[in-house]
């Protein structure tokens, strides 16, 4: 009788342990499901987010607080160009860093090249680039004028939008580098200078000397292979 009671106790204990183990596994599975759903929701929100004229100022003011990188390297068919982005042009600096992290510039082109003036980049006739823009959003950047920067040789600036634009808001996906030896100071006050070339002006000069068609587009396309943050 005593032996039977002991065996019954062992059986009951085994069942209890088995139940506890099952409950623990169930809790782990539920937690994993919850975590997966949370991650999926976060990813979906990030993928669904679009910049617009309504949210761009608040977004980049906040982005500026947490993303202080200010040096990038542009890899081109002709060599590399290192650029220092100015801290006091926060909208433009943050925008360039944001687009760099989004890999926007990869496979864009220097689509407007005028020797002894400027080389302009960030656009393409490739449909994939248009799709990238659509995913990022449609917006203009508030100007960062009157920050003490002028269009000297090697300065990086941003063109204004072609739409009716009394406030000289900038087209955020494109930029140009002043190649002219004496600068392009007739552009001062109309376009925001937000960086300068600190290495690679020889590459800028090579691109500027590329033969172009009647629209100033290089006959042999000059691609940006990628842009990387270096500091």
C-alpha atoms as a PDB file:
ATOM      1  CA  UNK A   1       0.000   0.000   0.000  1.00  0.00           C
ATOM      2  CA  UNK A   2       2.800   2.361   0.934  1.00  0.00           C
ATOM      3  CA  UNK A   3       4.636   1.502  -2.289  1.00  0.00           C
ATOM      4  CA  UNK A   4       1.503   2.316  -4.288  1.00  0.00           C
ATOM      5  CA  UNK A   5       1.156   5.694  -2.570  1.00  0.00           C
ATOM      6  CA  UNK A   6       4.771   6.549  -3.370  1.00  0.00           C
ATOM      7  CA  UNK A   7       4.273   5.620  -7.004  1.00  0.00           C
ATOM      8  CA  UNK A   8       1.120   7.730  -7.181  1.00  0.00           C
ATOM      9  CA  UNK A   9       3.012  10.697  -5.728  1.00  0.00           C
ATOM     10  CA  UNK A  10       5.753  10.280  -8.346  1.00  0.00           C
ATOM     11  CA  UNK A  11       3.169  10.128 -11.131  1.00  0.00           C
ATOM     12  CA  UNK A  12       1.397  13.250  -9.858  1.00  0.00           C
ATOM     13  CA  UNK A  13       4.729  15.091  -9.510  1.00  0.00           C
ATOM     14  CA  UNK A  14       5.716  14.087 -13.060  1.00  0.00           C
ATOM     15  CA  UNK A  15       2.394  15.380 -14.420  1.00  0.00           C
ATOM     16  CA  UNK A  16       2.823  18.666 -12.539  1.00  0.00           C
ATOM     17  CA  UNK A  17       6.346  19.124 -13.901  1.00  0.00           C
ATOM     18  CA  UNK A  18       5.122  18.287 -17.401  1.00  0.00           C
ATOM     19  CA  UNK A  19       2.295  20.842 -17.107  1.00  0.00           C
ATOM     20  CA  UNK A  20       4.647  23.544 -15.808  1.00  0.00           C
ATOM     21  CA  UNK A  21       7.063  22.827 -18.647  1.00  0.00           C
ATOM     22  CA  UNK A  22       4.250  23.068 -21.200  1.00  0.00           C
ATOM     23  CA  UNK A  23       3.063  26.353 -19.700  1.00  0.00           C
ATOM     24  CA  UNK A  24       6.580  27.771 -19.822  1.00  0.00           C
ATOM     25  CA  UNK A  25       6.949  26.741 -23.469  1.00  0.00           C
ATOM     26  CA  UNK A  26       3.550  28.227 -24.201  1.00  0.00           C
ATOM     27  CA  UNK A  27       4.587  31.520 -22.543  1.00  0.00           C
ATOM     28  CA  UNK A  28       7.820  31.586 -24.574  1.00  0.00           C
ATOM     29  CA  UNK A  29       5.903  30.962 -27.807  1.00  0.00           C
ATOM     30  CA  UNK A  30       3.360  33.684 -26.961  1.00  0.00           C
ATOM     31  CA  UNK A  31       6.167  36.116 -26.125  1.00  0.00           C
ATOM     32  CA  UNK A  32       7.931  35.334 -29.398  1.00  0.00           C
ATOM     33  CA  UNK A  33       4.704  35.887 -31.330  1.00  0.00           C
ATOM     34  CA  UNK A  34       4.156  39.211 -29.551  1.00  0.00           C
ATOM     35  CA  UNK A  35       7.750  40.304 -30.261  1.00  0.00           C
ATOM     36  CA  UNK A  36       7.469  39.294 -33.914  1.00  0.00           C
ATOM     37  CA  UNK A  37       4.207  41.217 -34.290  1.00  0.00           C
ATOM     38  CA  UNK A  38       5.773  44.241 -32.611  1.00  0.00           C
ATOM     39  CA  UNK A  39       8.807  44.131 -34.927  1.00  0.00           C
ATOM     40  CA  UNK A  40       6.577  43.699 -37.969  1.00  0.00           C
ATOM     41  CA  UNK A  41       4.438  46.639 -36.875  1.00  0.00           C
ATOM     42  CA  UNK A  42       7.549  48.784 -36.361  1.00  0.00           C
ATOM     43  CA  UNK A  43       8.941  47.808 -39.771  1.00  0.00           C
ATOM     44  CA  UNK A  44       5.599  48.498 -41.439  1.00  0.00           C
ATOM     45  CA  UNK A  45       5.404  51.935 -39.810  1.00  0.00           C
ATOM     46  CA  UNK A  46       8.936  52.739 -40.978  1.00  0.00           C
ATOM     47  CA  UNK A  47       8.155  51.543 -44.494  1.00  0.00           C
ATOM     48  CA  UNK A  48       4.891  53.475 -44.584  1.00  0.00           C
ATOM     49  CA  UNK A  49       6.427  56.741 -43.332  1.00  0.00           C
ATOM     50  CA  UNK A  50       6.714  59.439 -45.963  1.00  0.00           C
ATOM     51  CA  UNK A  51       8.266  62.872 -45.667  1.00  0.00           C
ATOM     52  CA  UNK A  52       6.029  65.728 -46.753  1.00  0.00           C
ATOM     53  CA  UNK A  53       5.925  69.516 -46.613  1.00  0.00           C
ATOM     54  CA  UNK A  54       3.756  69.167 -43.497  1.00  0.00           C
ATOM     55  CA  UNK A  55       6.184  67.088 -41.431  1.00  0.00           C
ATOM     56  CA  UNK A  56       9.624  67.844 -42.896  1.00  0.00           C
ATOM     57  CA  UNK A  57      10.644  70.649 -40.518  1.00  0.00           C
ATOM     58  CA  UNK A  58       9.713  68.802 -37.333  1.00  0.00           C
ATOM     59  CA  UNK A  59      11.252  65.567 -38.631  1.00  0.00           C
ATOM     60  CA  UNK A  60      14.662  67.038 -39.469  1.00  0.00           C
ATOM     61  CA  UNK A  61      14.807  69.187 -36.332  1.00  0.00           C
ATOM     62  CA  UNK A  62      14.461  65.966 -34.330  1.00  0.00           C
ATOM     63  CA  UNK A  63      16.722  64.020 -36.681  1.00  0.00           C
ATOM     64  CA  UNK A  64      19.443  66.637 -36.225  1.00  0.00           C
ATOM     65  CA  UNK A  65      19.540  65.974 -32.473  1.00  0.00           C
ATOM     66  CA  UNK A  66      20.428  62.292 -32.856  1.00  0.00           C
ATOM     67  CA  UNK A  67      22.366  62.157 -36.120  1.00  0.00           C
ATOM     68  CA  UNK A  68      25.455  64.345 -35.920  1.00  0.00           C
ATOM     69  CA  UNK A  69      27.494  62.792 -38.730  1.00  0.00           C
ATOM     70  CA  UNK A  70      28.953  65.462 -40.985  1.00  0.00           C
ATOM     71  CA  UNK A  71      31.393  63.846 -43.419  1.00  0.00           C
ATOM     72  CA  UNK A  72      30.502  61.754 -46.456  1.00  0.00           C
ATOM     73  CA  UNK A  73      32.403  60.128 -49.294  1.00  0.00           C
ATOM     74  CA  UNK A  74      30.962  60.010 -52.806  1.00  0.00           C
ATOM     75  CA  UNK A  75      32.198  57.155 -54.979  1.00  0.00           C
ATOM     76  CA  UNK A  76      32.063  57.933 -58.700  1.00  0.00           C
ATOM     77  CA  UNK A  77      33.321  56.475 -61.960  1.00  0.00           C
ATOM     78  CA  UNK A  78      36.093  59.075 -61.900  1.00  0.00           C
ATOM     79  CA  UNK A  79      37.220  58.766 -58.282  1.00  0.00           C
ATOM     80  CA  UNK A  80      36.088  59.762 -54.802  1.00  0.00           C
ATOM     81  CA  UNK A  81      34.884  63.072 -53.392  1.00  0.00           C
ATOM     82  CA  UNK A  82      34.914  63.750 -49.630  1.00  0.00           C
ATOM     83  CA  UNK A  83      32.503  66.370 -48.352  1.00  0.00           C
ATOM     84  CA  UNK A  84      32.199  68.159 -45.012  1.00  0.00           C
ATOM     85  CA  UNK A  85      28.581  69.091 -44.222  1.00  0.00           C
ATOM     86  CA  UNK A  86      28.119  72.316 -42.241  1.00  0.00           C
ATOM     87  CA  UNK A  87      26.537  72.043 -38.796  1.00  0.00           C
ATOM     88  CA  UNK A  88      24.733  75.393 -39.059  1.00  0.00           C
ATOM     89  CA  UNK A  89      22.746  74.270 -42.118  1.00  0.00           C
ATOM     90  CA  UNK A  90      20.908  71.648 -40.099  1.00  0.00           C
ATOM     91  CA  UNK A  91      18.008  70.949 -42.474  1.00  0.00           C
ATOM     92  CA  UNK A  92      20.312  70.329 -45.429  1.00  0.00           C
ATOM     93  CA  UNK A  93      22.956  68.416 -43.459  1.00  0.00           C
ATOM     94  CA  UNK A  94      20.345  66.177 -41.842  1.00  0.00           C
ATOM     95  CA  UNK A  95      18.584  65.637 -45.153  1.00  0.00           C
ATOM     96  CA  UNK A  96      21.820  64.559 -46.858  1.00  0.00           C
ATOM     97  CA  UNK A  97      22.691  62.173 -44.017  1.00  0.00           C
ATOM     98  CA  UNK A  98      19.142  60.773 -44.040  1.00  0.00           C
ATOM     99  CA  UNK A  99      19.211  60.131 -47.797  1.00  0.00           C
ATOM    100  CA  UNK A 100      22.680  58.606 -47.502  1.00  0.00           C
ATOM    101  CA  UNK A 101      21.449  56.147 -44.874  1.00  0.00           C
ATOM    102  CA  UNK A 102      18.485  55.346 -47.120  1.00  0.00           C
ATOM    103  CA  UNK A 103      20.968  54.532 -49.947  1.00  0.00           C
ATOM    104  CA  UNK A 104      19.130  57.012 -52.123  1.00  0.00           C
ATOM    105  CA  UNK A 105      22.182  58.253 -54.036  1.00  0.00           C
ATOM    106  CA  UNK A 106      23.315  54.836 -55.205  1.00  0.00           C
ATOM    107  CA  UNK A 107      23.117  54.711 -59.029  1.00  0.00           C
ATOM    108  CA  UNK A 108      22.021  58.334 -59.357  1.00  0.00           C
ATOM    109  CA  UNK A 109      23.987  60.431 -61.840  1.00  0.00           C
ATOM    110  CA  UNK A 110      25.764  63.702 -62.456  1.00  0.00           C
ATOM    111  CA  UNK A 111      23.049  64.810 -64.821  1.00  0.00           C
ATOM    112  CA  UNK A 112      24.036  68.458 -65.345  1.00  0.00           C
ATOM    113  CA  UNK A 113      27.695  69.187 -66.038  1.00  0.00           C
ATOM    114  CA  UNK A 114      28.967  72.600 -67.111  1.00  0.00           C
ATOM    115  CA  UNK A 115      32.734  72.918 -67.278  1.00  0.00           C
ATOM    116  CA  UNK A 116      34.129  75.926 -65.409  1.00  0.00           C
ATOM    117  CA  UNK A 117      30.842  76.293 -63.515  1.00  0.00           C
ATOM    118  CA  UNK A 118      29.184  73.385 -61.649  1.00  0.00           C
ATOM    119  CA  UNK A 119      28.532  69.645 -61.639  1.00  0.00           C
ATOM    120  CA  UNK A 120      25.033  68.707 -60.453  1.00  0.00           C
ATOM    121  CA  UNK A 121      23.976  65.271 -59.191  1.00  0.00           C
ATOM    122  CA  UNK A 122      21.283  63.231 -57.467  1.00  0.00           C
ATOM    123  CA  UNK A 123      18.924  62.558 -60.355  1.00  0.00           C
ATOM    124  CA  UNK A 124      18.565  59.951 -63.072  1.00  0.00           C
ATOM    125  CA  UNK A 125      16.390  58.850 -65.954  1.00  0.00           C
ATOM    126  CA  UNK A 126      16.163  55.438 -64.300  1.00  0.00           C
ATOM    127  CA  UNK A 127      12.656  54.525 -63.119  1.00  0.00           C
ATOM    128  CA  UNK A 128      14.052  52.909 -59.942  1.00  0.00           C
ATOM    129  CA  UNK A 129      15.287  56.305 -58.753  1.00  0.00           C
ATOM    130  CA  UNK A 130      11.777  57.740 -59.134  1.00  0.00           C
ATOM    131  CA  UNK A 131      10.458  54.834 -57.071  1.00  0.00           C
ATOM    132  CA  UNK A 132      13.047  55.549 -54.363  1.00  0.00           C
ATOM    133  CA  UNK A 133      11.897  59.166 -54.209  1.00  0.00           C
ATOM    134  CA  UNK A 134       8.273  58.111 -53.934  1.00  0.00           C
ATOM    135  CA  UNK A 135       9.039  55.836 -50.960  1.00  0.00           C
ATOM    136  CA  UNK A 136      10.979  58.572 -49.160  1.00  0.00           C
ATOM    137  CA  UNK A 137       8.340  61.239 -49.767  1.00  0.00           C
ATOM    138  CA  UNK A 138       7.561  64.405 -51.643  1.00  0.00           C
ATOM    139  CA  UNK A 139       8.819  67.521 -49.889  1.00  0.00           C
ATOM    140  CA  UNK A 140      10.904  70.677 -50.150  1.00  0.00           C
ATOM    141  CA  UNK A 141      13.570  71.754 -47.678  1.00  0.00           C
ATOM    142  CA  UNK A 142      13.339  75.086 -45.829  1.00  0.00           C
ATOM    143  CA  UNK A 143      16.225  77.269 -46.949  1.00  0.00           C
ATOM    144  CA  UNK A 144      19.328  77.584 -44.770  1.00  0.00           C
ATOM    145  CA  UNK A 145      20.440  80.868 -46.292  1.00  0.00           C
ATOM    146  CA  UNK A 146      22.467  83.577 -44.541  1.00  0.00           C
ATOM    147  CA  UNK A 147      24.674  81.145 -42.634  1.00  0.00           C
ATOM    148  CA  UNK A 148      27.909  82.807 -43.781  1.00  0.00           C
ATOM    149  CA  UNK A 149      28.674  80.448 -46.675  1.00  0.00           C
ATOM    150  CA  UNK A 150      29.138  81.550 -50.277  1.00  0.00           C
ATOM    151  CA  UNK A 151      29.477  79.756 -53.589  1.00  0.00           C
ATOM    152  CA  UNK A 152      33.272  79.495 -53.671  1.00  0.00           C
ATOM    153  CA  UNK A 153      35.043  76.763 -55.625  1.00  0.00           C
ATOM    154  CA  UNK A 154      34.432  73.389 -53.973  1.00  0.00           C
ATOM    155  CA  UNK A 155      31.273  74.437 -52.151  1.00  0.00           C
ATOM    156  CA  UNK A 156      28.283  72.083 -52.155  1.00  0.00           C
ATOM    157  CA  UNK A 157      24.878  73.669 -52.651  1.00  0.00           C
ATOM    158  CA  UNK A 158      21.305  72.609 -53.343  1.00  0.00           C
ATOM    159  CA  UNK A 159      19.120  73.776 -56.232  1.00  0.00           C
ATOM    160  CA  UNK A 160      15.713  75.297 -55.604  1.00  0.00           C
ATOM    161  CA  UNK A 161      12.552  73.601 -56.747  1.00  0.00           C
ATOM    162  CA  UNK A 162      11.306  74.460 -60.227  1.00  0.00           C
ATOM    163  CA  UNK A 163       7.752  74.973 -58.952  1.00  0.00           C
ATOM    164  CA  UNK A 164       6.439  78.374 -57.853  1.00  0.00           C
ATOM    165  CA  UNK A 165       8.864  78.950 -55.008  1.00  0.00           C
ATOM    166  CA  UNK A 166       8.937  82.422 -53.451  1.00  0.00           C
ATOM    167  CA  UNK A 167      10.712  81.143 -50.323  1.00  0.00           C
ATOM    168  CA  UNK A 168      13.563  79.512 -52.310  1.00  0.00           C
ATOM    169  CA  UNK A 169      12.870  76.106 -50.802  1.00  0.00           C
ATOM    170  CA  UNK A 170      15.293  73.441 -51.993  1.00  0.00           C
ATOM    171  CA  UNK A 171      14.805  70.310 -54.039  1.00  0.00           C
ATOM    172  CA  UNK A 172      16.058  67.768 -51.456  1.00  0.00           C
ATOM    173  CA  UNK A 173      17.313  64.940 -53.677  1.00  0.00           C
ATOM    174  CA  UNK A 174      19.795  66.949 -55.730  1.00  0.00           C
ATOM    175  CA  UNK A 175      22.970  68.902 -55.093  1.00  0.00           C
ATOM    176  CA  UNK A 176      25.697  70.657 -57.025  1.00  0.00           C
ATOM    177  CA  UNK A 177      29.394  71.335 -56.522  1.00  0.00           C
ATOM    178  CA  UNK A 178      30.919  74.628 -57.634  1.00  0.00           C
ATOM    179  CA  UNK A 179      33.834  73.849 -59.958  1.00  0.00           C
ATOM    180  CA  UNK A 180      34.582  77.339 -61.252  1.00  0.00           C
ATOM    181  CA  UNK A 181      37.957  78.615 -60.066  1.00  0.00           C
ATOM    182  CA  UNK A 182      36.661  82.029 -58.980  1.00  0.00           C
ATOM    183  CA  UNK A 183      33.413  80.635 -57.596  1.00  0.00           C
ATOM    184  CA  UNK A 184      29.828  81.262 -58.694  1.00  0.00           C
ATOM    185  CA  UNK A 185      28.866  84.134 -56.409  1.00  0.00           C
ATOM    186  CA  UNK A 186      25.894  85.221 -58.529  1.00  0.00           C
ATOM    187  CA  UNK A 187      24.171  82.216 -56.888  1.00  0.00           C
ATOM    188  CA  UNK A 188      24.662  83.592 -53.358  1.00  0.00           C
ATOM    189  CA  UNK A 189      21.391  84.325 -51.592  1.00  0.00           C
ATOM    190  CA  UNK A 190      19.339  82.102 -53.896  1.00  0.00           C
ATOM    191  CA  UNK A 191      20.697  78.656 -53.041  1.00  0.00           C
ATOM    192  CA  UNK A 192      21.829  77.120 -49.756  1.00  0.00           C
ATOM    193  CA  UNK A 193      25.518  76.248 -49.461  1.00  0.00           C
ATOM    194  CA  UNK A 194      25.579  73.354 -46.993  1.00  0.00           C
ATOM    195  CA  UNK A 195      28.994  71.751 -47.378  1.00  0.00           C
ATOM    196  CA  UNK A 196      32.399  71.827 -49.027  1.00  0.00           C
ATOM    197  CA  UNK A 197      34.715  69.391 -50.769  1.00  0.00           C
ATOM    198  CA  UNK A 198      37.645  68.602 -48.478  1.00  0.00           C
ATOM    199  CA  UNK A 199      39.227  66.009 -50.769  1.00  0.00           C
ATOM    200  CA  UNK A 200      38.696  65.078 -54.403  1.00  0.00           C
ATOM    201  CA  UNK A 201      38.468  68.339 -56.342  1.00  0.00           C
ATOM    202  CA  UNK A 202      40.568  66.609 -59.004  1.00  0.00           C
ATOM    203  CA  UNK A 203      37.641  64.188 -59.379  1.00  0.00           C
ATOM    204  CA  UNK A 204      35.241  67.138 -59.644  1.00  0.00           C
ATOM    205  CA  UNK A 205      37.418  68.633 -62.411  1.00  0.00           C
ATOM    206  CA  UNK A 206      37.487  65.323 -64.304  1.00  0.00           C
ATOM    207  CA  UNK A 207      33.690  65.071 -64.196  1.00  0.00           C
ATOM    208  CA  UNK A 208      33.346  68.721 -65.252  1.00  0.00           C
ATOM    209  CA  UNK A 209      35.437  68.073 -68.352  1.00  0.00           C
ATOM    210  CA  UNK A 210      33.149  65.267 -69.549  1.00  0.00           C
ATOM    211  CA  UNK A 211      31.633  65.844 -73.016  1.00  0.00           C
ATOM    212  CA  UNK A 212      27.918  66.661 -72.746  1.00  0.00           C
ATOM    213  CA  UNK A 213      24.853  66.908 -74.962  1.00  0.00           C
ATOM    214  CA  UNK A 214      22.846  70.093 -75.551  1.00  0.00           C
ATOM    215  CA  UNK A 215      21.107  69.602 -72.186  1.00  0.00           C
ATOM    216  CA  UNK A 216      24.436  69.507 -70.305  1.00  0.00           C
ATOM    217  CA  UNK A 217      23.963  65.783 -69.599  1.00  0.00           C
ATOM    218  CA  UNK A 218      27.244  63.822 -69.969  1.00  0.00           C
ATOM    219  CA  UNK A 219      27.269  61.768 -73.163  1.00  0.00           C
ATOM    220  CA  UNK A 220      28.787  58.903 -71.171  1.00  0.00           C
ATOM    221  CA  UNK A 221      26.719  58.682 -68.008  1.00  0.00           C
ATOM    222  CA  UNK A 222      28.621  59.530 -64.814  1.00  0.00           C
ATOM    223  CA  UNK A 223      27.182  57.463 -61.981  1.00  0.00           C
ATOM    224  CA  UNK A 224      27.380  57.823 -58.238  1.00  0.00           C
ATOM    225  CA  UNK A 225      28.183  54.266 -57.212  1.00  0.00           C
ATOM    226  CA  UNK A 226      27.398  54.977 -53.573  1.00  0.00           C
ATOM    227  CA  UNK A 227      27.687  57.555 -50.802  1.00  0.00           C
ATOM    228  CA  UNK A 228      29.054  56.552 -47.409  1.00  0.00           C
ATOM    229  CA  UNK A 229      29.229  58.353 -44.081  1.00  0.00           C
ATOM    230  CA  UNK A 230      32.862  58.557 -42.993  1.00  0.00           C
ATOM    231  CA  UNK A 231      32.369  60.550 -39.760  1.00  0.00           C
END
